Amino acid sequence: MLHNPGDSIKIRASIGTLARIGIASVKLEAYPRTAYLLLPGGCSGSCLFCPQWIKDSQVSRVSWPEVDLGYILRGQKLFERVCIQSVLRRMFWKDLVKISSLFEIPVSISTNPVGERELLELRRNSQMIGIGIDAASSSLFKAVRRPGSFESHLKFFEKSLRIYGKGNVYVHLIAGLGESLKEIVRVMSYIYDRGGAIALFAFTPVPGTPLQDRDP
């Protein structure tokens, strides 16, 4: 078998992604059209709703086993797109650049804020970008211990719009963290009015996290 450049790179993949390429025994009601990948190594953040800084093999309630990236690259034509999600750690953006460059199918990335030079590097191999703001207000952003600030994430959203273009920038928001209806509508309007899109998630309490007992 020819050497695949991804065979020496470790990556986490959603269990549905691994089932689609045939290396996980999971019954699928429908085949996923997007391969979901996650940088390994854990996260240096400490978001109260996320298990990544506690147990890096889990995102929400979904299992993300670690595998050789080569398995994903060999099976990539089974998918229409790959989404590569970052964690917060030193030089994470370099891993995103390297991994995204190995794919032949369209690439989306989900990243923490980076500088303009780094963002331009990421843009070379990806067509869409997701930004995890999660909380709907500045005070709630601080309360759930998101790294950085609400305001700096909004500035990064605007910078990403300039580089990726309208319709290619998604902001991840979580409903149910304690925001008011007015707060979440206000931030959604801000994003839509500027040409962004929204990936809206419902808060899911994950066992082992500080918010495990909060009602969804």
Protein backbone atom coordinates (compact mmCIF):
# COMPACT_ATOMS: atom_id res chain seq x y z
CA MET A 1 0.00 0.00 0.00
CA LEU A 2 1.32 3.45 -0.89
CA HIS A 3 2.28 5.65 2.04
CA ASN A 4 -0.35 8.23 2.90
CA PRO A 5 0.93 11.51 4.40
CA GLY A 6 -1.83 11.32 6.99
CA ASP A 7 -0.65 7.98 8.40
CA SER A 8 1.76 9.76 10.76
CA ILE A 9 -0.84 12.28 11.98
CA LYS A 10 -3.32 11.57 14.76
CA ILE A 11 -6.81 13.04 14.64
CA ARG A 12 -10.06 12.57 16.51
CA ALA A 13 -13.10 11.71 14.41
CA SER A 14 -16.78 11.52 15.34
CA ILE A 15 -18.04 7.98 15.73
CA GLY A 16 -20.44 8.54 12.82
CA THR A 17 -17.53 9.51 10.57
CA LEU A 18 -15.63 6.35 11.51
CA ALA A 19 -18.72 4.22 10.95
CA ARG A 20 -19.13 5.67 7.47
CA ILE A 21 -15.61 4.67 6.43
CA GLY A 22 -16.02 1.24 7.99
CA ILE A 23 -13.67 1.28 10.98
CA ALA A 24 -16.32 1.59 13.71
CA SER A 25 -19.17 -0.82 14.23
CA VAL A 26 -22.11 1.53 14.70
CA LYS A 27 -25.54 1.26 13.12
CA LEU A 28 -26.33 4.34 11.06
CA GLU A 29 -29.88 5.35 10.19
CA ALA A 30 -28.45 7.66 7.52
CA TYR A 31 -24.94 8.20 6.21
CA PRO A 32 -23.29 11.49 7.22
CA ARG A 33 -22.33 13.68 4.27
CA THR A 34 -19.74 15.60 6.28
CA ALA A 35 -16.71 14.08 7.97
CA TYR A 36 -16.24 15.66 11.41
CA LEU A 37 -12.70 15.82 12.77
CA LEU A 38 -11.23 17.29 15.95
CA LEU A 39 -7.64 18.19 16.78
CA PRO A 40 -6.33 15.84 19.50
CA GLY A 41 -4.43 16.72 22.64
CA GLY A 42 -7.11 18.23 24.83
CA CYS A 43 -8.06 21.87 25.28
CA SER A 44 -6.49 24.48 27.55
CA GLY A 45 -9.82 26.28 27.85
CA SER A 46 -12.19 25.60 30.72
CA CYS A 47 -15.68 26.30 29.36
CA LEU A 48 -18.18 25.17 31.98
CA PHE A 49 -20.41 23.36 29.46
CA CYS A 50 -17.66 21.49 27.58
CA PRO A 51 -15.93 18.22 28.55
CA GLN A 52 -12.88 18.77 26.30
CA TRP A 53 -10.65 20.13 29.09
CA ILE A 54 -11.73 17.24 31.34
CA LYS A 55 -11.89 14.32 28.90
CA ASP A 56 -10.61 15.03 25.40
CA SER A 57 -12.29 12.03 23.74
CA GLN A 58 -15.75 13.55 24.11
CA VAL A 59 -17.59 16.53 22.66
CA SER A 60 -21.03 17.03 24.16
CA ARG A 61 -22.30 13.43 24.35
CA VAL A 62 -20.60 12.21 21.18
CA SER A 63 -17.56 9.92 21.25
CA TRP A 64 -14.53 11.03 19.19
CA PRO A 65 -11.95 8.21 19.03
CA GLU A 66 -8.39 8.98 17.99
CA VAL A 67 -7.23 7.45 14.70
CA ASP A 68 -4.60 7.91 12.01
CA LEU A 69 -5.64 10.69 9.65
CA GLY A 70 -4.71 8.39 6.77
CA TYR A 71 -7.89 6.37 7.34
CA ILE A 72 -9.97 9.50 6.81
CA LEU A 73 -7.99 10.63 3.77
CA ARG A 74 -8.42 7.26 2.07
CA GLY A 75 -12.18 7.37 2.70
CA GLN A 76 -12.73 11.07 2.03
CA LYS A 77 -14.59 10.56 -1.25
CA LEU A 78 -17.44 9.02 0.78
CA PHE A 79 -18.16 12.55 2.03
CA GLU A 80 -19.09 15.84 0.40
CA ARG A 81 -17.13 17.95 2.90
CA VAL A 82 -14.86 17.69 5.91
CA CYS A 83 -15.17 19.91 8.98
CA ILE A 84 -12.02 20.20 11.09
CA GLN A 85 -12.56 21.56 14.59
CA SER A 86 -9.78 23.10 16.65
CA VAL A 87 -9.09 23.10 20.36
CA LEU A 88 -7.36 25.87 22.28
CA ARG A 89 -3.68 25.04 22.63
CA ARG A 90 -0.35 26.43 21.51
CA MET A 91 0.04 26.78 17.72
CA PHE A 92 -3.22 24.92 17.03
CA TRP A 93 -3.68 26.90 13.82
CA LYS A 94 -0.58 25.28 12.28
CA ASP A 95 -2.17 21.87 12.70
CA LEU A 96 -5.32 23.17 11.03
CA VAL A 97 -3.30 24.48 8.08
CA LYS A 98 -1.39 21.22 7.65
CA ILE A 99 -4.37 18.90 7.97
CA SER A 100 -6.67 20.95 5.75
CA SER A 101 -4.03 20.96 3.00
CA LEU A 102 -4.21 17.16 2.70
CA PHE A 103 -7.86 16.95 1.65
CA GLU A 104 -9.21 16.89 -1.90
CA ILE A 105 -12.83 17.53 -0.88
CA PRO A 106 -14.16 20.93 0.33
CA VAL A 107 -12.95 21.89 3.80
CA SER A 108 -14.62 23.80 6.63
CA ILE A 109 -12.74 24.72 9.78
CA SER A 110 -13.96 25.67 13.22
CA THR A 111 -11.42 27.76 15.05
CA ASN A 112 -10.63 30.03 17.94
CA PRO A 113 -9.62 33.61 17.07
CA VAL A 114 -6.23 34.02 15.39
CA GLY A 115 -4.37 36.93 13.82
CA GLU A 116 -4.91 38.08 10.26
CA ARG A 117 -1.75 36.40 8.95
CA GLU A 118 -2.82 33.07 10.43
CA LEU A 119 -6.34 33.53 9.13
CA LEU A 120 -5.06 34.09 5.59
CA GLU A 121 -3.05 30.87 5.90
CA LEU A 122 -6.17 28.99 6.98
CA ARG A 123 -8.13 30.46 4.08
CA ARG A 124 -5.77 28.90 1.52
CA ASN A 125 -7.15 25.40 2.11
CA SER A 126 -10.64 26.03 3.51
CA GLN A 127 -13.76 27.61 2.07
CA MET A 128 -15.85 28.08 5.21
CA ILE A 129 -15.06 28.97 8.80
CA GLY A 130 -16.96 28.48 12.06
CA ILE A 131 -16.40 30.56 15.20
CA GLY A 132 -17.53 29.30 18.59
CA ILE A 133 -18.89 32.33 20.40
CA ASP A 134 -21.45 30.09 22.15
CA ALA A 135 -22.73 32.61 24.71
CA ALA A 136 -25.20 35.30 23.64
CA SER A 137 -23.85 38.20 25.69
CA SER A 138 -20.63 39.55 27.15
CA SER A 139 -21.63 38.82 30.75
CA LEU A 140 -22.71 35.26 29.93
CA PHE A 141 -19.50 34.71 27.95
CA LYS A 142 -17.54 35.47 31.12
CA ALA A 143 -19.88 33.44 33.32
CA VAL A 144 -19.34 30.21 31.36
CA ARG A 145 -15.54 30.81 31.32
CA ARG A 146 -15.07 31.09 27.56
CA PRO A 147 -11.43 32.07 26.84
CA GLY A 148 -10.98 35.56 25.44
CA SER A 149 -13.87 37.99 25.36
CA PHE A 150 -17.24 38.32 23.66
CA GLU A 151 -16.09 41.52 21.98
CA SER A 152 -12.85 40.02 20.62
CA HIS A 153 -14.79 37.11 19.13
CA LEU A 154 -17.16 39.51 17.36
CA LYS A 155 -14.16 41.37 15.94
CA PHE A 156 -12.75 38.06 14.71
CA PHE A 157 -16.12 37.32 13.10
CA GLU A 158 -15.92 40.60 11.17
CA LYS A 159 -12.30 39.90 10.16
CA SER A 160 -13.31 36.44 8.95
CA LEU A 161 -16.10 37.96 6.85
CA ARG A 162 -13.56 40.15 5.06
CA ILE A 163 -11.32 37.19 4.28
CA TYR A 164 -13.83 34.37 3.65
CA GLY A 165 -16.70 36.45 2.29
CA LYS A 166 -20.36 36.74 3.21
CA GLY A 167 -22.18 33.43 3.57
CA ASN A 168 -18.97 31.56 4.40
CA VAL A 169 -18.67 32.46 8.09
CA TYR A 170 -20.72 30.60 10.70
CA VAL A 171 -21.05 31.60 14.33
CA HIS A 172 -21.81 28.82 16.80
CA LEU A 173 -24.32 29.80 19.49
CA ILE A 174 -25.76 27.74 22.34
CA ALA A 175 -29.32 28.40 23.48
CA GLY A 176 -30.05 27.56 27.10
CA LEU A 177 -26.94 28.79 28.93
CA GLY A 178 -28.96 31.42 30.79
CA GLU A 179 -29.42 34.11 28.15
CA SER A 180 -32.62 36.08 27.70
CA LEU A 181 -34.61 35.86 24.48
CA LYS A 182 -33.71 39.49 23.80
CA GLU A 183 -29.98 38.75 24.12
CA ILE A 184 -29.92 35.84 21.72
CA VAL A 185 -32.11 37.60 19.15
CA ARG A 186 -29.87 40.67 19.34
CA VAL A 187 -26.65 38.75 18.66
CA MET A 188 -28.29 36.66 15.92
CA SER A 189 -29.49 39.85 14.22
CA TYR A 190 -25.98 41.30 14.46
CA ILE A 191 -24.52 38.24 12.73
CA TYR A 192 -27.17 37.97 10.01
CA ASP A 193 -27.13 41.70 9.25
CA ARG A 194 -23.41 41.52 8.46
CA GLY A 195 -23.64 38.51 6.17
CA GLY A 196 -22.80 35.75 8.61
CA ALA A 197 -24.66 32.52 9.27
CA ILE A 198 -25.51 30.78 12.53
CA ALA A 199 -25.13 27.23 13.77
CA LEU A 200 -27.54 27.13 16.72
CA PHE A 201 -27.18 24.39 19.33
CA ALA A 202 -29.36 23.53 22.30
CA PHE A 203 -27.51 23.37 25.61
CA THR A 204 -26.94 19.75 26.61
CA PRO A 205 -25.74 19.05 30.17
CA VAL A 206 -22.78 16.66 29.94
CA PRO A 207 -21.91 14.43 32.91
CA GLY A 208 -18.63 15.42 34.53
CA THR A 209 -18.81 19.09 33.57
CA PRO A 210 -19.56 21.93 36.02
CA LEU A 211 -22.96 22.45 34.32
CA GLN A 212 -23.96 18.78 34.40
CA ASP A 213 -26.90 19.49 36.73
CA ARG A 214 -28.28 22.50 34.88
CA ASP A 215 -31.67 21.92 33.27
CA PRO A 216 -31.47 21.93 29.45
